[in-house]
Amino acid sequence: MAIPKRHNIYTYRDYLNFDGDTRVELIDGQFYSMTPAPSRVHQKIVTEGARIIGNFLSEKGLNCEVYVAPFDVRLIEEGENEDLCKNVVQPDILVVCDKNKLDDKGCKGAPDFIIEVVSPSNASIDYVKKLYLYERFKVKEYWIVNPESKNVFVYILNSEGQYGEPHKYTFNECIYCNVFKDLIFRMDEILK
């Protein structure tokens, strides 16, 4: 099925009824297609990143869960009916510490930590649309990993509920997580 035209505002109900082979996300009532098959490097970062996070959560005895796409995250505005919500995303990696947000459909509300791995065909979605969406819904920490430029932007929600300037790392630097203080990544080691 082709992505519907932009003149309508679409909802979670439309998302559930979307029939087609194309994976989509719903941001501010508009459908965006996801990259057909992510690259091997993209998948390696997602797989190894989720493994590192999962092992860390287990070792520290933290009551949080890590998930990878496809996994629906429904971001519902205050006072909005779930069926009529206009934001459903599938982050590459997400961590949820409030288990009340988890149900059989995925996550209802903002995860604590999200990592998106950029694909060339949808870079503006991760750098612009999702950045503002995740800030608006108060995702505590958002990482944008770019395998092409070999850098990582780390956005941390400040006390005013906004992302300030991102911390920028290269793949050969240690990347420190703010939400989980002892969690450290090195992308060059992940990609060995």
C-alpha atoms as a PDB file:
ATOM      1  CA  MET A   1       0.000   0.000   0.000  1.00  0.00           C
ATOM      2  CA  ALA A   2       1.288   3.469  -0.809  1.00  0.00           C
ATOM      3  CA  ILE A   3       1.843   5.946   1.986  1.00  0.00           C
ATOM      4  CA  PRO A   4      -1.362   8.022   2.275  1.00  0.00           C
ATOM      5  CA  LYS A   5      -1.340  11.647   1.165  1.00  0.00           C
ATOM      6  CA  ARG A   6      -0.559  14.376   3.706  1.00  0.00           C
ATOM      7  CA  HIS A   7      -3.902  16.190   3.610  1.00  0.00           C
ATOM      8  CA  ASN A   8      -5.344  14.032   6.409  1.00  0.00           C
ATOM      9  CA  ILE A   9      -4.369  13.619  10.027  1.00  0.00           C
ATOM     10  CA  TYR A  10      -3.937   9.925  10.711  1.00  0.00           C
ATOM     11  CA  THR A  11      -4.273   8.151  14.057  1.00  0.00           C
ATOM     12  CA  TYR A  12      -3.245   4.970  15.830  1.00  0.00           C
ATOM     13  CA  ARG A  13      -6.462   3.403  14.506  1.00  0.00           C
ATOM     14  CA  ASP A  14      -5.306   4.142  10.929  1.00  0.00           C
ATOM     15  CA  TYR A  15      -1.860   2.812  11.809  1.00  0.00           C
ATOM     16  CA  LEU A  16      -3.350  -0.489  13.016  1.00  0.00           C
ATOM     17  CA  ASN A  17      -5.367  -0.765   9.801  1.00  0.00           C
ATOM     18  CA  PHE A  18      -2.451   0.106   7.519  1.00  0.00           C
ATOM     19  CA  ASP A  19      -2.248  -2.789   5.099  1.00  0.00           C
ATOM     20  CA  GLY A  20       0.907  -3.134   3.202  1.00  0.00           C
ATOM     21  CA  ASP A  21       4.377  -4.573   3.226  1.00  0.00           C
ATOM     22  CA  THR A  22       5.910  -1.208   4.071  1.00  0.00           C
ATOM     23  CA  ARG A  23       6.741  -0.604   7.732  1.00  0.00           C
ATOM     24  CA  VAL A  24       5.611   2.850   8.772  1.00  0.00           C
ATOM     25  CA  GLU A  25       5.750   5.200  11.718  1.00  0.00           C
ATOM     26  CA  LEU A  26       3.193   7.856  12.577  1.00  0.00           C
ATOM     27  CA  ILE A  27       4.538  11.265  13.600  1.00  0.00           C
ATOM     28  CA  ASP A  28       2.210  14.186  14.244  1.00  0.00           C
ATOM     29  CA  GLY A  29      -0.563  12.457  12.280  1.00  0.00           C
ATOM     30  CA  GLN A  30       1.549  11.728   9.174  1.00  0.00           C
ATOM     31  CA  PHE A  31       2.865   8.377   7.956  1.00  0.00           C
ATOM     32  CA  TYR A  32       6.579   7.928   7.246  1.00  0.00           C
ATOM     33  CA  SER A  33       7.902   4.781   5.631  1.00  0.00           C
ATOM     34  CA  MET A  34      10.830   3.043   7.226  1.00  0.00           C
ATOM     35  CA  THR A  35      13.899   1.925   5.302  1.00  0.00           C
ATOM     36  CA  PRO A  36      13.228  -1.419   3.610  1.00  0.00           C
ATOM     37  CA  ALA A  37      16.096  -3.528   4.996  1.00  0.00           C
ATOM     38  CA  PRO A  38      18.621  -1.825   7.249  1.00  0.00           C
ATOM     39  CA  SER A  39      22.294  -2.318   6.436  1.00  0.00           C
ATOM     40  CA  ARG A  40      24.398  -4.976   8.126  1.00  0.00           C
ATOM     41  CA  VAL A  41      26.255  -2.279  10.106  1.00  0.00           C
ATOM     42  CA  HIS A  42      22.924  -0.794  11.257  1.00  0.00           C
ATOM     43  CA  GLN A  43      21.762  -4.212  12.458  1.00  0.00           C
ATOM     44  CA  LYS A  44      25.093  -4.957  14.161  1.00  0.00           C
ATOM     45  CA  ILE A  45      24.869  -1.697  16.135  1.00  0.00           C
ATOM     46  CA  VAL A  46      21.274  -2.436  17.140  1.00  0.00           C
ATOM     47  CA  THR A  47      21.921  -6.076  18.070  1.00  0.00           C
ATOM     48  CA  GLU A  48      25.144  -5.467  19.995  1.00  0.00           C
ATOM     49  CA  GLY A  49      23.842  -2.243  21.568  1.00  0.00           C
ATOM     50  CA  ALA A  50      20.749  -4.015  22.890  1.00  0.00           C
ATOM     51  CA  ARG A  51      22.907  -6.886  24.172  1.00  0.00           C
ATOM     52  CA  ILE A  52      25.227  -4.490  26.024  1.00  0.00           C
ATOM     53  CA  ILE A  53      22.269  -2.647  27.573  1.00  0.00           C
ATOM     54  CA  GLY A  54      20.481  -5.892  28.490  1.00  0.00           C
ATOM     55  CA  ASN A  55      23.594  -7.320  30.143  1.00  0.00           C
ATOM     56  CA  PHE A  56      24.148  -4.050  32.027  1.00  0.00           C
ATOM     57  CA  LEU A  57      20.549  -3.964  33.315  1.00  0.00           C
ATOM     58  CA  SER A  58      20.818  -7.585  34.428  1.00  0.00           C
ATOM     59  CA  GLU A  59      24.232  -7.156  36.113  1.00  0.00           C
ATOM     60  CA  LYS A  60      23.050  -4.069  38.006  1.00  0.00           C
ATOM     61  CA  GLY A  61      19.734  -5.675  38.960  1.00  0.00           C
ATOM     62  CA  LEU A  62      17.791  -2.792  37.426  1.00  0.00           C
ATOM     63  CA  ASN A  63      14.075  -3.316  36.882  1.00  0.00           C
ATOM     64  CA  CYS A  64      14.123  -2.000  33.302  1.00  0.00           C
ATOM     65  CA  GLU A  65      13.584  -3.722  29.959  1.00  0.00           C
ATOM     66  CA  VAL A  66      15.305  -3.220  26.614  1.00  0.00           C
ATOM     67  CA  TYR A  67      13.541  -3.717  23.264  1.00  0.00           C
ATOM     68  CA  VAL A  68      14.472  -3.388  19.594  1.00  0.00           C
ATOM     69  CA  ALA A  69      12.429  -2.491  16.517  1.00  0.00           C
ATOM     70  CA  PRO A  70       9.901  -3.417  15.420  1.00  0.00           C
ATOM     71  CA  PHE A  71       8.287  -2.508  18.744  1.00  0.00           C
ATOM     72  CA  ASP A  72       5.498   0.073  18.839  1.00  0.00           C
ATOM     73  CA  VAL A  73       5.813   3.082  21.120  1.00  0.00           C
ATOM     74  CA  ARG A  74       2.550   5.016  21.365  1.00  0.00           C
ATOM     75  CA  LEU A  75       3.114   8.628  22.401  1.00  0.00           C
ATOM     76  CA  ILE A  76      -0.227   9.964  23.529  1.00  0.00           C
ATOM     77  CA  GLU A  77      -0.945  13.643  24.153  1.00  0.00           C
ATOM     78  CA  GLU A  78      -2.576  14.565  27.456  1.00  0.00           C
ATOM     79  CA  GLY A  79      -6.332  14.101  27.151  1.00  0.00           C
ATOM     80  CA  GLU A  80      -5.978  12.207  23.869  1.00  0.00           C
ATOM     81  CA  ASN A  81      -7.728   8.868  23.362  1.00  0.00           C
ATOM     82  CA  GLU A  82      -5.244   6.080  22.612  1.00  0.00           C
ATOM     83  CA  ASP A  83      -7.048   5.063  19.406  1.00  0.00           C
ATOM     84  CA  LEU A  84      -6.803   8.660  18.194  1.00  0.00           C
ATOM     85  CA  CYS A  85      -3.174   9.287  19.143  1.00  0.00           C
ATOM     86  CA  LYS A  86      -1.098  10.661  16.289  1.00  0.00           C
ATOM     87  CA  ASN A  87       2.367   9.363  17.212  1.00  0.00           C
ATOM     88  CA  VAL A  88       3.499   5.749  16.929  1.00  0.00           C
ATOM     89  CA  VAL A  89       7.217   5.118  16.469  1.00  0.00           C
ATOM     90  CA  GLN A  90       9.511   2.112  16.384  1.00  0.00           C
ATOM     91  CA  PRO A  91      12.866   3.157  17.861  1.00  0.00           C
ATOM     92  CA  ASP A  92      15.839   0.974  16.981  1.00  0.00           C
ATOM     93  CA  ILE A  93      16.610   0.452  20.694  1.00  0.00           C
ATOM     94  CA  LEU A  94      14.570   1.578  23.686  1.00  0.00           C
ATOM     95  CA  VAL A  95      14.686   1.085  27.436  1.00  0.00           C
ATOM     96  CA  VAL A  96      11.591   1.260  29.633  1.00  0.00           C
ATOM     97  CA  CYS A  97      11.906   1.353  33.421  1.00  0.00           C
ATOM     98  CA  ASP A  98       8.235   1.969  34.266  1.00  0.00           C
ATOM     99  CA  LYS A  99       6.674  -1.437  33.581  1.00  0.00           C
ATOM    100  CA  ASN A 100       3.189   0.125  33.800  1.00  0.00           C
ATOM    101  CA  LYS A 101       3.910   1.569  30.344  1.00  0.00           C
ATOM    102  CA  LEU A 102       4.309  -1.906  28.829  1.00  0.00           C
ATOM    103  CA  ASP A 103       1.406  -3.891  27.401  1.00  0.00           C
ATOM    104  CA  ASP A 104       0.860  -6.506  24.711  1.00  0.00           C
ATOM    105  CA  LYS A 105       0.890  -3.784  22.014  1.00  0.00           C
ATOM    106  CA  GLY A 106       4.278  -2.373  23.067  1.00  0.00           C
ATOM    107  CA  CYS A 107       4.926   0.770  25.088  1.00  0.00           C
ATOM    108  CA  LYS A 108       2.339   3.400  25.962  1.00  0.00           C
ATOM    109  CA  GLY A 109       4.248   6.554  26.844  1.00  0.00           C
ATOM    110  CA  ALA A 110       7.837   7.698  26.667  1.00  0.00           C
ATOM    111  CA  PRO A 111      10.684   5.225  27.165  1.00  0.00           C
ATOM    112  CA  ASP A 112      13.530   6.378  29.409  1.00  0.00           C
ATOM    113  CA  PHE A 113      16.248   5.944  26.795  1.00  0.00           C
ATOM    114  CA  ILE A 114      16.113   5.683  22.982  1.00  0.00           C
ATOM    115  CA  ILE A 115      18.812   4.977  20.413  1.00  0.00           C
ATOM    116  CA  GLU A 116      18.141   5.542  16.716  1.00  0.00           C
ATOM    117  CA  VAL A 117      20.653   4.360  14.114  1.00  0.00           C
ATOM    118  CA  VAL A 118      20.517   6.625  11.076  1.00  0.00           C
ATOM    119  CA  SER A 119      19.784   5.215   7.642  1.00  0.00           C
ATOM    120  CA  PRO A 120      20.723   7.516   4.745  1.00  0.00           C
ATOM    121  CA  SER A 121      17.180   7.523   3.389  1.00  0.00           C
ATOM    122  CA  ASN A 122      15.565   8.729   6.630  1.00  0.00           C
ATOM    123  CA  ALA A 123      18.221  10.854   8.350  1.00  0.00           C
ATOM    124  CA  SER A 124      15.972  13.932   8.649  1.00  0.00           C
ATOM    125  CA  ILE A 125      13.377  11.884  10.527  1.00  0.00           C
ATOM    126  CA  ASP A 126      15.893  10.965  13.258  1.00  0.00           C
ATOM    127  CA  TYR A 127      17.675  14.343  13.393  1.00  0.00           C
ATOM    128  CA  VAL A 128      14.599  16.578  13.240  1.00  0.00           C
ATOM    129  CA  LYS A 129      11.169  15.003  13.571  1.00  0.00           C
ATOM    130  CA  LYS A 130      12.021  12.394  16.204  1.00  0.00           C
ATOM    131  CA  LEU A 131      14.305  14.782  18.088  1.00  0.00           C
ATOM    132  CA  TYR A 132      11.427  17.221  18.629  1.00  0.00           C
ATOM    133  CA  LEU A 133       8.927  14.421  19.230  1.00  0.00           C
ATOM    134  CA  TYR A 134      11.091  12.736  21.889  1.00  0.00           C
ATOM    135  CA  GLU A 135      11.778  16.067  23.563  1.00  0.00           C
ATOM    136  CA  ARG A 136       8.061  16.904  23.580  1.00  0.00           C
ATOM    137  CA  PHE A 137       7.215  13.565  25.210  1.00  0.00           C
ATOM    138  CA  LYS A 138      10.112  13.828  27.707  1.00  0.00           C
ATOM    139  CA  VAL A 139      12.343  10.928  26.679  1.00  0.00           C
ATOM    140  CA  LYS A 140      15.174  11.368  29.199  1.00  0.00           C
ATOM    141  CA  GLU A 141      17.989  10.490  26.810  1.00  0.00           C
ATOM    142  CA  TYR A 142      18.115  10.183  23.019  1.00  0.00           C
ATOM    143  CA  TRP A 143      21.115   8.992  21.013  1.00  0.00           C
ATOM    144  CA  ILE A 144      21.445   9.396  17.250  1.00  0.00           C
ATOM    145  CA  VAL A 145      24.082   7.002  15.899  1.00  0.00           C
ATOM    146  CA  ASN A 146      25.314   7.739  12.382  1.00  0.00           C
ATOM    147  CA  PRO A 147      27.341   4.863  10.877  1.00  0.00           C
ATOM    148  CA  GLU A 148      28.199   6.898   7.779  1.00  0.00           C
ATOM    149  CA  SER A 149      29.794   9.869   9.585  1.00  0.00           C
ATOM    150  CA  LYS A 150      30.858   7.642  12.500  1.00  0.00           C
ATOM    151  CA  ASN A 151      29.494   9.918  15.184  1.00  0.00           C
ATOM    152  CA  VAL A 152      26.920   9.820  17.954  1.00  0.00           C
ATOM    153  CA  PHE A 153      24.819  12.757  19.173  1.00  0.00           C
ATOM    154  CA  VAL A 154      23.605  12.369  22.757  1.00  0.00           C
ATOM    155  CA  TYR A 155      20.645  14.515  23.832  1.00  0.00           C
ATOM    156  CA  ILE A 156      19.825  14.708  27.537  1.00  0.00           C
ATOM    157  CA  LEU A 157      16.586  16.178  28.876  1.00  0.00           C
ATOM    158  CA  ASN A 158      17.416  19.099  31.163  1.00  0.00           C
ATOM    159  CA  SER A 159      15.504  20.395  34.206  1.00  0.00           C
ATOM    160  CA  GLU A 160      13.372  22.604  31.920  1.00  0.00           C
ATOM    161  CA  GLY A 161      12.249  19.514  29.989  1.00  0.00           C
ATOM    162  CA  GLN A 162      14.297  20.354  26.901  1.00  0.00           C
ATOM    163  CA  TYR A 163      17.261  18.912  25.064  1.00  0.00           C
ATOM    164  CA  GLY A 164      20.211  21.267  25.193  1.00  0.00           C
ATOM    165  CA  GLU A 165      23.184  21.105  22.870  1.00  0.00           C
ATOM    166  CA  PRO A 166      24.012  17.492  22.124  1.00  0.00           C
ATOM    167  CA  HIS A 167      27.193  15.863  23.317  1.00  0.00           C
ATOM    168  CA  LYS A 168      28.987  14.718  20.164  1.00  0.00           C
ATOM    169  CA  TYR A 169      31.157  11.608  20.157  1.00  0.00           C
ATOM    170  CA  THR A 170      33.117   9.773  17.494  1.00  0.00           C
ATOM    171  CA  PHE A 171      33.010   5.998  17.168  1.00  0.00           C
ATOM    172  CA  ASN A 172      36.430   5.609  18.836  1.00  0.00           C
ATOM    173  CA  GLU A 173      35.470   7.514  21.997  1.00  0.00           C
ATOM    174  CA  CYS A 174      33.793   6.208  25.139  1.00  0.00           C
ATOM    175  CA  ILE A 175      30.141   7.260  25.149  1.00  0.00           C
ATOM    176  CA  TYR A 176      28.683   7.695  28.609  1.00  0.00           C
ATOM    177  CA  CYS A 177      25.004   7.195  29.276  1.00  0.00           C
ATOM    178  CA  ASN A 178      23.353   9.760  31.540  1.00  0.00           C
ATOM    179  CA  VAL A 179      20.292   7.686  32.491  1.00  0.00           C
ATOM    180  CA  PHE A 180      22.469   4.727  33.541  1.00  0.00           C
ATOM    181  CA  LYS A 181      25.650   6.222  34.984  1.00  0.00           C
ATOM    182  CA  ASP A 182      27.934   3.196  34.626  1.00  0.00           C
ATOM    183  CA  LEU A 183      26.822   2.265  31.106  1.00  0.00           C
ATOM    184  CA  ILE A 184      29.580   2.979  28.586  1.00  0.00           C
ATOM    185  CA  PHE A 185      29.644   2.302  24.831  1.00  0.00           C
ATOM    186  CA  ARG A 186      32.427   2.272  22.248  1.00  0.00           C
ATOM    187  CA  MET A 187      30.979   1.964  18.770  1.00  0.00           C
ATOM    188  CA  ASP A 188      34.309   0.895  17.246  1.00  0.00           C
ATOM    189  CA  GLU A 189      34.356  -2.083  19.627  1.00  0.00           C
ATOM    190  CA  ILE A 190      30.749  -2.944  18.767  1.00  0.00           C
ATOM    191  CA  LEU A 191      31.662  -2.987  15.062  1.00  0.00           C
ATOM    192  CA  LYS A 192      34.800  -5.171  15.400  1.00  0.00           C
END
